[in-house]
Amino acid sequence: MFAVFLSGGKQHRVNEGDVLKLERLKAEPGDDIEFEKVLLVADGDDVSVGQPYVEGGRIKARVLGHDRGKKIRVIKFKRRKNYLRRQGHRQWYTEVRITGIMAA
């Protein structure tokens, strides 16, 4: 059984027991959270597709912790113009474990 849900403006395909990194959520480590914007739930040949969301579809997850991702480097450069700007960025994320997938 797998599902596709929306979180942080991105779509994620998950199975029960998966651990994934989402955009930072307002939840403490150890909290149980639910995602209600479920786009698709599939259990073998039984597939439920939402329009836009599956009625009664929910995904339960447990928050494992918050952290920051790897540093990315942003460089702006124009040759022969004496222009060079460097910037770094580390994005915050929340790590969650999927504990349950409920269809309608």
PDB file of N, CA and C in Angstrom:
ATOM      1  N   MET A   1       0.843  -1.172   0.000  1.00  0.00           N
ATOM      2  CA  MET A   1       0.000   0.000   0.000  1.00  0.00           C
ATOM      3  C   MET A   1       0.893   1.241   0.000  1.00  0.00           C
ATOM      4  N   PHE A   2       0.591   2.184  -0.871  1.00  0.00           N
ATOM      5  CA  PHE A   2       1.339   3.428  -0.878  1.00  0.00           C
ATOM      6  C   PHE A   2       0.373   4.583  -1.094  1.00  0.00           C
ATOM      7  N   ALA A   3       0.877   5.791  -0.836  1.00  0.00           N
ATOM      8  CA  ALA A   3       0.053   6.985  -0.985  1.00  0.00           C
ATOM      9  C   ALA A   3       0.925   8.132  -1.478  1.00  0.00           C
ATOM     10  N   VAL A   4       0.268   9.119  -2.077  1.00  0.00           N
ATOM     11  CA  VAL A   4       0.923  10.352  -2.493  1.00  0.00           C
ATOM     12  C   VAL A   4       0.212  11.487  -1.769  1.00  0.00           C
ATOM     13  N   PHE A   5       0.980  12.327  -1.074  1.00  0.00           N
ATOM     14  CA  PHE A   5       0.372  13.437  -0.348  1.00  0.00           C
ATOM     15  C   PHE A   5       1.156  14.715  -0.596  1.00  0.00           C
ATOM     16  N   LEU A   6       0.554  15.825  -0.193  1.00  0.00           N
ATOM     17  CA  LEU A   6       1.112  17.147  -0.437  1.00  0.00           C
ATOM     18  C   LEU A   6       1.565  17.741   0.891  1.00  0.00           C
ATOM     19  N   SER A   7       2.813  18.213   0.927  1.00  0.00           N
ATOM     20  CA  SER A   7       3.335  18.880   2.120  1.00  0.00           C
ATOM     21  C   SER A   7       4.430  19.845   1.697  1.00  0.00           C
ATOM     22  N   GLY A   8       4.320  21.077   2.137  1.00  0.00           N
ATOM     23  CA  GLY A   8       5.351  22.066   1.826  1.00  0.00           C
ATOM     24  C   GLY A   8       5.424  22.399   0.356  1.00  0.00           C
ATOM     25  N   GLY A   9       4.301  22.265  -0.367  1.00  0.00           N
ATOM     26  CA  GLY A   9       4.296  22.574  -1.788  1.00  0.00           C
ATOM     27  C   GLY A   9       4.883  21.472  -2.658  1.00  0.00           C
ATOM     28  N   LYS A  10       5.200  20.327  -2.062  1.00  0.00           N
ATOM     29  CA  LYS A  10       5.793  19.219  -2.808  1.00  0.00           C
ATOM     30  C   LYS A  10       4.943  17.968  -2.614  1.00  0.00           C
ATOM     31  N   GLN A  11       5.001  17.073  -3.594  1.00  0.00           N
ATOM     32  CA  GLN A  11       4.294  15.802  -3.505  1.00  0.00           C
ATOM     33  C   GLN A  11       5.275  14.713  -3.100  1.00  0.00           C
ATOM     34  N   HIS A  12       4.834  13.851  -2.178  1.00  0.00           N
ATOM     35  CA  HIS A  12       5.688  12.781  -1.667  1.00  0.00           C
ATOM     36  C   HIS A  12       4.959  11.449  -1.793  1.00  0.00           C
ATOM     37  N   ARG A  13       5.666  10.441  -2.323  1.00  0.00           N
ATOM     38  CA  ARG A  13       5.129   9.079  -2.433  1.00  0.00           C
ATOM     39  C   ARG A  13       5.701   8.286  -1.276  1.00  0.00           C
ATOM     40  N   VAL A  14       4.825   7.702  -0.442  1.00  0.00           N
ATOM     41  CA  VAL A  14       5.287   7.028   0.769  1.00  0.00           C
ATOM     42  C   VAL A  14       4.621   5.676   0.946  1.00  0.00           C
ATOM     43  N   ASN A  15       5.323   4.783   1.617  1.00  0.00           N
ATOM     44  CA  ASN A  15       4.801   3.518   2.119  1.00  0.00           C
ATOM     45  C   ASN A  15       4.818   3.612   3.640  1.00  0.00           C
ATOM     46  N   GLU A  16       4.107   2.736   4.296  1.00  0.00           N
ATOM     47  CA  GLU A  16       4.117   2.726   5.751  1.00  0.00           C
ATOM     48  C   GLU A  16       5.508   2.322   6.236  1.00  0.00           C
ATOM     49  N   GLY A  17       6.039   3.070   7.195  1.00  0.00           N
ATOM     50  CA  GLY A  17       7.371   2.797   7.736  1.00  0.00           C
ATOM     51  C   GLY A  17       8.475   3.627   7.106  1.00  0.00           C
ATOM     52  N   ASP A  18       8.181   4.362   6.033  1.00  0.00           N
ATOM     53  CA  ASP A  18       9.192   5.202   5.384  1.00  0.00           C
ATOM     54  C   ASP A  18       9.597   6.368   6.279  1.00  0.00           C
ATOM     55  N   VAL A  19      10.858   6.776   6.158  1.00  0.00           N
ATOM     56  CA  VAL A  19      11.365   7.971   6.828  1.00  0.00           C
ATOM     57  C   VAL A  19      11.712   8.967   5.739  1.00  0.00           C
ATOM     58  N   LEU A  20      11.181  10.197   5.873  1.00  0.00           N
ATOM     59  CA  LEU A  20      11.470  11.194   4.854  1.00  0.00           C
ATOM     60  C   LEU A  20      11.664  12.559   5.464  1.00  0.00           C
ATOM     61  N   LYS A  21      12.298  13.442   4.688  1.00  0.00           N
ATOM     62  CA  LYS A  21      12.592  14.801   5.115  1.00  0.00           C
ATOM     63  C   LYS A  21      11.617  15.744   4.415  1.00  0.00           C
ATOM     64  N   LEU A  22      10.868  16.505   5.223  1.00  0.00           N
ATOM     65  CA  LEU A  22       9.885  17.450   4.711  1.00  0.00           C
ATOM     66  C   LEU A  22      10.329  18.862   5.049  1.00  0.00           C
ATOM     67  N   GLU A  23       9.718  19.844   4.389  1.00  0.00           N
ATOM     68  CA  GLU A  23       9.942  21.226   4.763  1.00  0.00           C
ATOM     69  C   GLU A  23       9.591  21.385   6.241  1.00  0.00           C
ATOM     70  N   ARG A  24      10.249  22.295   6.924  1.00  0.00           N
ATOM     71  CA  ARG A  24      10.105  22.459   8.373  1.00  0.00           C
ATOM     72  C   ARG A  24       8.639  22.567   8.790  1.00  0.00           C
ATOM     73  N   LEU A  25       8.227  21.729   9.753  1.00  0.00           N
ATOM     74  CA  LEU A  25       6.871  21.719  10.292  1.00  0.00           C
ATOM     75  C   LEU A  25       6.889  22.239  11.725  1.00  0.00           C
ATOM     76  N   LYS A  26       5.776  22.826  12.152  1.00  0.00           N
ATOM     77  CA  LYS A  26       5.656  23.321  13.523  1.00  0.00           C
ATOM     78  C   LYS A  26       5.165  22.181  14.414  1.00  0.00           C
ATOM     79  N   ALA A  27       6.072  21.299  14.773  1.00  0.00           N
ATOM     80  CA  ALA A  27       5.766  20.162  15.638  1.00  0.00           C
ATOM     81  C   ALA A  27       7.034  19.791  16.391  1.00  0.00           C
ATOM     82  N   GLU A  28       6.856  19.300  17.588  1.00  0.00           N
ATOM     83  CA  GLU A  28       7.991  18.903  18.419  1.00  0.00           C
ATOM     84  C   GLU A  28       8.381  17.453  18.117  1.00  0.00           C
ATOM     85  N   PRO A  29       9.653  17.098  18.311  1.00  0.00           N
ATOM     86  CA  PRO A  29      10.057  15.700  18.132  1.00  0.00           C
ATOM     87  C   PRO A  29       9.266  14.787  19.063  1.00  0.00           C
ATOM     88  N   GLY A  30       8.767  13.693  18.517  1.00  0.00           N
ATOM     89  CA  GLY A  30       7.942  12.754  19.274  1.00  0.00           C
ATOM     90  C   GLY A  30       6.454  12.963  19.078  1.00  0.00           C
ATOM     91  N   ASP A  31       6.054  14.105  18.506  1.00  0.00           N
ATOM     92  CA  ASP A  31       4.637  14.374  18.256  1.00  0.00           C
ATOM     93  C   ASP A  31       4.122  13.509  17.112  1.00  0.00           C
ATOM     94  N   ASP A  32       2.824  13.176  17.173  1.00  0.00           N
ATOM     95  CA  ASP A  32       2.156  12.501  16.071  1.00  0.00           C
ATOM     96  C   ASP A  32       1.395  13.550  15.276  1.00  0.00           C
ATOM     97  N   ILE A  33       1.554  13.518  13.954  1.00  0.00           N
ATOM     98  CA  ILE A  33       0.874  14.483  13.095  1.00  0.00           C
ATOM     99  C   ILE A  33       0.115  13.739  12.005  1.00  0.00           C
ATOM    100  N   GLU A  34      -0.827  14.440  11.374  1.00  0.00           N
ATOM    101  CA  GLU A  34      -1.610  13.866  10.281  1.00  0.00           C
ATOM    102  C   GLU A  34      -1.550  14.786   9.078  1.00  0.00           C
ATOM    103  N   PHE A  35      -1.476  14.180   7.915  1.00  0.00           N
ATOM    104  CA  PHE A  35      -1.541  14.914   6.657  1.00  0.00           C
ATOM    105  C   PHE A  35      -2.867  14.565   6.007  1.00  0.00           C
ATOM    106  N   GLU A  36      -3.673  15.576   5.699  1.00  0.00           N
ATOM    107  CA  GLU A  36      -5.002  15.338   5.135  1.00  0.00           C
ATOM    108  C   GLU A  36      -5.078  15.652   3.643  1.00  0.00           C
ATOM    109  N   LYS A  37      -4.027  16.226   3.080  1.00  0.00           N
ATOM    110  CA  LYS A  37      -4.027  16.523   1.650  1.00  0.00           C
ATOM    111  C   LYS A  37      -3.457  15.318   0.893  1.00  0.00           C
ATOM    112  N   VAL A  38      -4.233  14.248   0.863  1.00  0.00           N
ATOM    113  CA  VAL A  38      -3.823  12.999   0.218  1.00  0.00           C
ATOM    114  C   VAL A  38      -4.339  13.013  -1.216  1.00  0.00           C
ATOM    115  N   LEU A  39      -3.431  12.855  -2.174  1.00  0.00           N
ATOM    116  CA  LEU A  39      -3.784  12.920  -3.590  1.00  0.00           C
ATOM    117  C   LEU A  39      -4.135  11.557  -4.168  1.00  0.00           C
ATOM    118  N   LEU A  40      -3.519  10.497  -3.632  1.00  0.00           N
ATOM    119  CA  LEU A  40      -3.727   9.164  -4.191  1.00  0.00           C
ATOM    120  C   LEU A  40      -3.430   8.122  -3.119  1.00  0.00           C
ATOM    121  N   VAL A  41      -4.253   7.080  -3.082  1.00  0.00           N
ATOM    122  CA  VAL A  41      -4.004   5.929  -2.206  1.00  0.00           C
ATOM    123  C   VAL A  41      -4.163   4.683  -3.052  1.00  0.00           C
ATOM    124  N   ALA A  42      -3.147   3.806  -3.043  1.00  0.00           N
ATOM    125  CA  ALA A  42      -3.186   2.583  -3.845  1.00  0.00           C
ATOM    126  C   ALA A  42      -2.905   1.384  -2.942  1.00  0.00           C
ATOM    127  N   ASP A  43      -3.782   0.382  -3.043  1.00  0.00           N
ATOM    128  CA  ASP A  43      -3.607  -0.865  -2.307  1.00  0.00           C
ATOM    129  C   ASP A  43      -3.775  -1.995  -3.314  1.00  0.00           C
ATOM    130  N   GLY A  44      -2.673  -2.403  -3.924  1.00  0.00           N
ATOM    131  CA  GLY A  44      -2.738  -3.419  -4.982  1.00  0.00           C
ATOM    132  C   GLY A  44      -3.425  -2.845  -6.212  1.00  0.00           C
ATOM    133  N   ASP A  45      -4.531  -3.491  -6.640  1.00  0.00           N
ATOM    134  CA  ASP A  45      -5.278  -3.007  -7.799  1.00  0.00           C
ATOM    135  C   ASP A  45      -6.332  -1.971  -7.423  1.00  0.00           C
ATOM    136  N   ASP A  46      -6.572  -1.773  -6.129  1.00  0.00           N
ATOM    137  CA  ASP A  46      -7.554  -0.801  -5.662  1.00  0.00           C
ATOM    138  C   ASP A  46      -6.875   0.563  -5.525  1.00  0.00           C
ATOM    139  N   VAL A  47      -7.173   1.492  -6.447  1.00  0.00           N
ATOM    140  CA  VAL A  47      -6.544   2.812  -6.474  1.00  0.00           C
ATOM    141  C   VAL A  47      -7.612   3.881  -6.295  1.00  0.00           C
ATOM    142  N   SER A  48      -7.390   4.791  -5.338  1.00  0.00           N
ATOM    143  CA  SER A  48      -8.280   5.926  -5.117  1.00  0.00           C
ATOM    144  C   SER A  48      -7.534   7.193  -5.485  1.00  0.00           C
ATOM    145  N   VAL A  49      -8.073   7.930  -6.449  1.00  0.00           N
ATOM    146  CA  VAL A  49      -7.461   9.174  -6.893  1.00  0.00           C
ATOM    147  C   VAL A  49      -8.374  10.314  -6.479  1.00  0.00           C
ATOM    148  N   GLY A  50      -7.809  11.328  -5.834  1.00  0.00           N
ATOM    149  CA  GLY A  50      -8.596  12.451  -5.358  1.00  0.00           C
ATOM    150  C   GLY A  50      -8.836  13.495  -6.432  1.00  0.00           C
ATOM    151  N   GLN A  51      -9.878  14.326  -6.183  1.00  0.00           N
ATOM    152  CA  GLN A  51     -10.199  15.403  -7.114  1.00  0.00           C
ATOM    153  C   GLN A  51     -10.454  16.678  -6.338  1.00  0.00           C
ATOM    154  N   PRO A  52      -9.553  17.399  -5.757  1.00  0.00           N
ATOM    155  CA  PRO A  52      -8.107  17.168  -5.811  1.00  0.00           C
ATOM    156  C   PRO A  52      -7.602  16.238  -4.712  1.00  0.00           C
ATOM    157  N   TYR A  53      -8.374  16.046  -3.614  1.00  0.00           N
ATOM    158  CA  TYR A  53      -7.901  15.206  -2.516  1.00  0.00           C
ATOM    159  C   TYR A  53      -8.844  14.028  -2.312  1.00  0.00           C
ATOM    160  N   VAL A  54      -8.301  12.931  -1.765  1.00  0.00           N
ATOM    161  CA  VAL A  54      -9.087  11.732  -1.483  1.00  0.00           C
ATOM    162  C   VAL A  54      -9.962  12.009  -0.259  1.00  0.00           C
ATOM    163  N   GLU A  55     -11.256  11.748  -0.384  1.00  0.00           N
ATOM    164  CA  GLU A  55     -12.185  11.944   0.730  1.00  0.00           C
ATOM    165  C   GLU A  55     -11.851  10.967   1.855  1.00  0.00           C
ATOM    166  N   GLY A  56     -11.632  11.485   3.046  1.00  0.00           N
ATOM    167  CA  GLY A  56     -11.339  10.639   4.201  1.00  0.00           C
ATOM    168  C   GLY A  56      -9.927  10.076   4.211  1.00  0.00           C
ATOM    169  N   GLY A  57      -9.100  10.460   3.273  1.00  0.00           N
ATOM    170  CA  GLY A  57      -7.723   9.968   3.235  1.00  0.00           C
ATOM    171  C   GLY A  57      -6.849  10.727   4.213  1.00  0.00           C
ATOM    172  N   ARG A  58      -6.080   9.984   5.010  1.00  0.00           N
ATOM    173  CA  ARG A  58      -5.183  10.588   5.986  1.00  0.00           C
ATOM    174  C   ARG A  58      -3.897   9.782   6.064  1.00  0.00           C
ATOM    175  N   ILE A  59      -2.817  10.482   6.361  1.00  0.00           N
ATOM    176  CA  ILE A  59      -1.533   9.825   6.566  1.00  0.00           C
ATOM    177  C   ILE A  59      -1.042  10.235   7.945  1.00  0.00           C
ATOM    178  N   LYS A  60      -0.759   9.251   8.783  1.00  0.00           N
ATOM    179  CA  LYS A  60      -0.256   9.524  10.127  1.00  0.00           C
ATOM    180  C   LYS A  60       1.257   9.370  10.120  1.00  0.00           C
ATOM    181  N   ALA A  61       1.920  10.269  10.869  1.00  0.00           N
ATOM    182  CA  ALA A  61       3.380  10.243  10.936  1.00  0.00           C
ATOM    183  C   ALA A  61       3.831  10.663  12.323  1.00  0.00           C
ATOM    184  N   ARG A  62       5.050  10.273  12.675  1.00  0.00           N
ATOM    185  CA  ARG A  62       5.665  10.675  13.942  1.00  0.00           C
ATOM    186  C   ARG A  62       6.904  11.506  13.615  1.00  0.00           C
ATOM    187  N   VAL A  63       7.027  12.653  14.286  1.00  0.00           N
ATOM    188  CA  VAL A  63       8.162  13.558  14.064  1.00  0.00           C
ATOM    189  C   VAL A  63       9.381  12.990  14.780  1.00  0.00           C
ATOM    190  N   LEU A  64      10.466  12.807  14.029  1.00  0.00           N
ATOM    191  CA  LEU A  64      11.705  12.286  14.598  1.00  0.00           C
ATOM    192  C   LEU A  64      12.638  13.404  15.038  1.00  0.00           C
ATOM    193  N   GLY A  65      12.607  14.532  14.329  1.00  0.00           N
ATOM    194  CA  GLY A  65      13.481  15.643  14.711  1.00  0.00           C
ATOM    195  C   GLY A  65      13.566  16.695  13.623  1.00  0.00           C
ATOM    196  N   HIS A  66      14.258  17.788  13.949  1.00  0.00           N
ATOM    197  CA  HIS A  66      14.495  18.882  13.013  1.00  0.00           C
ATOM    198  C   HIS A  66      15.996  19.001  12.794  1.00  0.00           C
ATOM    199  N   ASP A  67      16.376  19.411  11.601  1.00  0.00           N
ATOM    200  CA  ASP A  67      17.797  19.596  11.298  1.00  0.00           C
ATOM    201  C   ASP A  67      17.916  20.498  10.086  1.00  0.00           C
ATOM    202  N   ARG A  68      19.144  20.727   9.652  1.00  0.00           N
ATOM    203  CA  ARG A  68      19.385  21.533   8.465  1.00  0.00           C
ATOM    204  C   ARG A  68      20.108  20.677   7.436  1.00  0.00           C
ATOM    205  N   GLY A  69      19.810  20.924   6.166  1.00  0.00           N
ATOM    206  CA  GLY A  69      20.397  20.147   5.085  1.00  0.00           C
ATOM    207  C   GLY A  69      21.821  20.569   4.782  1.00  0.00           C
ATOM    208  N   LYS A  70      22.384  19.960   3.755  1.00  0.00           N
ATOM    209  CA  LYS A  70      23.727  20.295   3.323  1.00  0.00           C
ATOM    210  C   LYS A  70      23.764  21.721   2.800  1.00  0.00           C
ATOM    211  N   LYS A  71      24.919  22.348   2.910  1.00  0.00           N
ATOM    212  CA  LYS A  71      25.069  23.712   2.430  1.00  0.00           C
ATOM    213  C   LYS A  71      25.138  23.717   0.902  1.00  0.00           C
ATOM    214  N   ILE A  72      24.385  24.623   0.312  1.00  0.00           N
ATOM    215  CA  ILE A  72      24.514  24.847  -1.124  1.00  0.00           C
ATOM    216  C   ILE A  72      25.179  26.203  -1.316  1.00  0.00           C
ATOM    217  N   ARG A  73      25.919  26.326  -2.365  1.00  0.00           N
ATOM    218  CA  ARG A  73      26.629  27.567  -2.651  1.00  0.00           C
ATOM    219  C   ARG A  73      25.959  28.252  -3.836  1.00  0.00           C
ATOM    220  N   VAL A  74      25.678  29.538  -3.657  1.00  0.00           N
ATOM    221  CA  VAL A  74      25.076  30.349  -4.705  1.00  0.00           C
ATOM    222  C   VAL A  74      26.132  31.351  -5.140  1.00  0.00           C
ATOM    223  N   ILE A  75      26.435  31.394  -6.431  1.00  0.00           N
ATOM    224  CA  ILE A  75      27.462  32.301  -6.946  1.00  0.00           C
ATOM    225  C   ILE A  75      26.880  33.104  -8.097  1.00  0.00           C
ATOM    226  N   LYS A  76      27.040  34.419  -8.012  1.00  0.00           N
ATOM    227  CA  LYS A  76      26.686  35.309  -9.122  1.00  0.00           C
ATOM    228  C   LYS A  76      27.995  35.882  -9.648  1.00  0.00           C
ATOM    229  N   PHE A  77      28.195  35.788 -10.957  1.00  0.00           N
ATOM    230  CA  PHE A  77      29.469  36.180 -11.536  1.00  0.00           C
ATOM    231  C   PHE A  77      29.245  36.783 -12.915  1.00  0.00           C
ATOM    232  N   LYS A  78      29.902  37.917 -13.158  1.00  0.00           N
ATOM    233  CA  LYS A  78      29.886  38.510 -14.497  1.00  0.00           C
ATOM    234  C   LYS A  78      31.334  38.741 -14.902  1.00  0.00           C
ATOM    235  N   ARG A  79      31.721  38.122 -15.970  1.00  0.00           N
ATOM    236  CA  ARG A  79      33.118  38.211 -16.372  1.00  0.00           C
ATOM    237  C   ARG A  79      33.474  39.618 -16.844  1.00  0.00           C
ATOM    238  N   ARG A  80      34.689  39.983 -16.582  1.00  0.00           N
ATOM    239  CA  ARG A  80      35.270  41.270 -16.986  1.00  0.00           C
ATOM    240  C   ARG A  80      34.561  42.482 -16.377  1.00  0.00           C
ATOM    241  N   LYS A  81      33.704  42.302 -15.416  1.00  0.00           N
ATOM    242  CA  LYS A  81      32.973  43.430 -14.814  1.00  0.00           C
ATOM    243  C   LYS A  81      33.322  43.604 -13.332  1.00  0.00           C
ATOM    244  N   ASN A  82      34.292  42.814 -12.844  1.00  0.00           N
ATOM    245  CA  ASN A  82      34.696  42.865 -11.443  1.00  0.00           C
ATOM    246  C   ASN A  82      33.497  42.616 -10.519  1.00  0.00           C
ATOM    247  N   TYR A  83      32.637  41.642 -10.897  1.00  0.00           N
ATOM    248  CA  TYR A  83      31.431  41.349 -10.128  1.00  0.00           C
ATOM    249  C   TYR A  83      31.431  39.880  -9.743  1.00  0.00           C
ATOM    250  N   LEU A  84      31.470  39.607  -8.446  1.00  0.00           N
ATOM    251  CA  LEU A  84      31.411  38.249  -7.925  1.00  0.00           C
ATOM    252  C   LEU A  84      30.738  38.307  -6.565  1.00  0.00           C
ATOM    253  N   ARG A  85      29.658  37.550  -6.399  1.00  0.00           N
ATOM    254  CA  ARG A  85      28.942  37.477  -5.126  1.00  0.00           C
ATOM    255  C   ARG A  85      28.793  36.012  -4.744  1.00  0.00           C
ATOM    256  N   ARG A  86      29.156  35.699  -3.520  1.00  0.00           N
ATOM    257  CA  ARG A  86      29.027  34.325  -3.026  1.00  0.00           C
ATOM    258  C   ARG A  86      28.068  34.318  -1.846  1.00  0.00           C
ATOM    259  N   GLN A  87      27.252  33.279  -1.802  1.00  0.00           N
ATOM    260  CA  GLN A  87      26.294  33.143  -0.712  1.00  0.00           C
ATOM    261  C   GLN A  87      26.083  31.659  -0.447  1.00  0.00           C
ATOM    262  N   GLY A  88      25.876  31.308   0.797  1.00  0.00           N
ATOM    263  CA  GLY A  88      25.574  29.927   1.172  1.00  0.00           C
ATOM    264  C   GLY A  88      24.189  29.840   1.772  1.00  0.00           C
ATOM    265  N   HIS A  89      23.602  28.639   1.729  1.00  0.00           N
ATOM    266  CA  HIS A  89      22.263  28.448   2.280  1.00  0.00           C
ATOM    267  C   HIS A  89      22.127  27.021   2.792  1.00  0.00           C
ATOM    268  N   ARG A  90      21.499  26.887   3.981  1.00  0.00           N
ATOM    269  CA  ARG A  90      21.172  25.570   4.529  1.00  0.00           C
ATOM    270  C   ARG A  90      19.695  25.582   4.871  1.00  0.00           C
ATOM    271  N   GLN A  91      18.938  24.686   4.247  1.00  0.00           N
ATOM    272  CA  GLN A  91      17.494  24.639   4.415  1.00  0.00           C
ATOM    273  C   GLN A  91      17.114  23.800   5.636  1.00  0.00           C
ATOM    274  N   TRP A  92      16.194  24.308   6.452  1.00  0.00           N
ATOM    275  CA  TRP A  92      15.664  23.552   7.579  1.00  0.00           C
ATOM    276  C   TRP A  92      14.721  22.470   7.073  1.00  0.00           C
ATOM    277  N   TYR A  93      14.721  21.305   7.735  1.00  0.00           N
ATOM    278  CA  TYR A  93      13.783  20.240   7.398  1.00  0.00           C
ATOM    279  C   TYR A  93      13.336  19.522   8.663  1.00  0.00           C
ATOM    280  N   THR A  94      12.235  18.800   8.536  1.00  0.00           N
ATOM    281  CA  THR A  94      11.703  17.969   9.615  1.00  0.00           C
ATOM    282  C   THR A  94      11.720  16.527   9.130  1.00  0.00           C
ATOM    283  N   GLU A  95      12.278  15.639   9.933  1.00  0.00           N
ATOM    284  CA  GLU A  95      12.338  14.224   9.581  1.00  0.00           C
ATOM    285  C   GLU A  95      11.162  13.510  10.238  1.00  0.00           C
ATOM    286  N   VAL A  96      10.376  12.791   9.436  1.00  0.00           N
ATOM    287  CA  VAL A  96       9.192  12.093   9.939  1.00  0.00           C
ATOM    288  C   VAL A  96       9.210  10.631   9.507  1.00  0.00           C
ATOM    289  N   ARG A  97       8.552   9.784  10.312  1.00  0.00           N
ATOM    290  CA  ARG A  97       8.358   8.371   9.959  1.00  0.00           C
ATOM    291  C   ARG A  97       6.857   8.150   9.764  1.00  0.00           C
ATOM    292  N   ILE A  98       6.501   7.562   8.620  1.00  0.00           N
ATOM    293  CA  ILE A  98       5.092   7.306   8.308  1.00  0.00           C
ATOM    294  C   ILE A  98       4.646   6.097   9.126  1.00  0.00           C
ATOM    295  N   THR A  99       3.571   6.291   9.933  1.00  0.00           N
ATOM    296  CA  THR A  99       3.092   5.219  10.805  1.00  0.00           C
ATOM    297  C   THR A  99       1.774   4.613  10.313  1.00  0.00           C
ATOM    298  N   GLY A 100       1.064   5.295   9.427  1.00  0.00           N
ATOM    299  CA  GLY A 100      -0.194   4.734   8.959  1.00  0.00           C
ATOM    300  C   GLY A 100      -0.747   5.459   7.754  1.00  0.00           C
ATOM    301  N   ILE A 101      -1.410   4.702   6.878  1.00  0.00           N
ATOM    302  CA  ILE A 101      -2.073   5.250   5.698  1.00  0.00           C
ATOM    303  C   ILE A 101      -3.532   4.822   5.753  1.00  0.00           C
ATOM    304  N   MET A 102      -4.428   5.806   5.777  1.00  0.00           N
ATOM    305  CA  MET A 102      -5.861   5.508   5.824  1.00  0.00           C
ATOM    306  C   MET A 102      -6.527   5.998   4.553  1.00  0.00           C
ATOM    307  N   ALA A 103      -7.290   5.125   3.921  1.00  0.00           N
ATOM    308  CA  ALA A 103      -8.102   5.506   2.764  1.00  0.00           C
ATOM    309  C   ALA A 103      -9.519   5.736   3.261  1.00  0.00           C
ATOM    310  N   ALA A 104     -10.395   6.117   2.343  1.00  0.00           N
ATOM    311  CA  ALA A 104     -11.794   6.413   2.724  1.00  0.00           C
ATOM    312  C   ALA A 104     -12.492   5.234   3.242  1.00  0.00           C
TER     313      ALA A 104
END
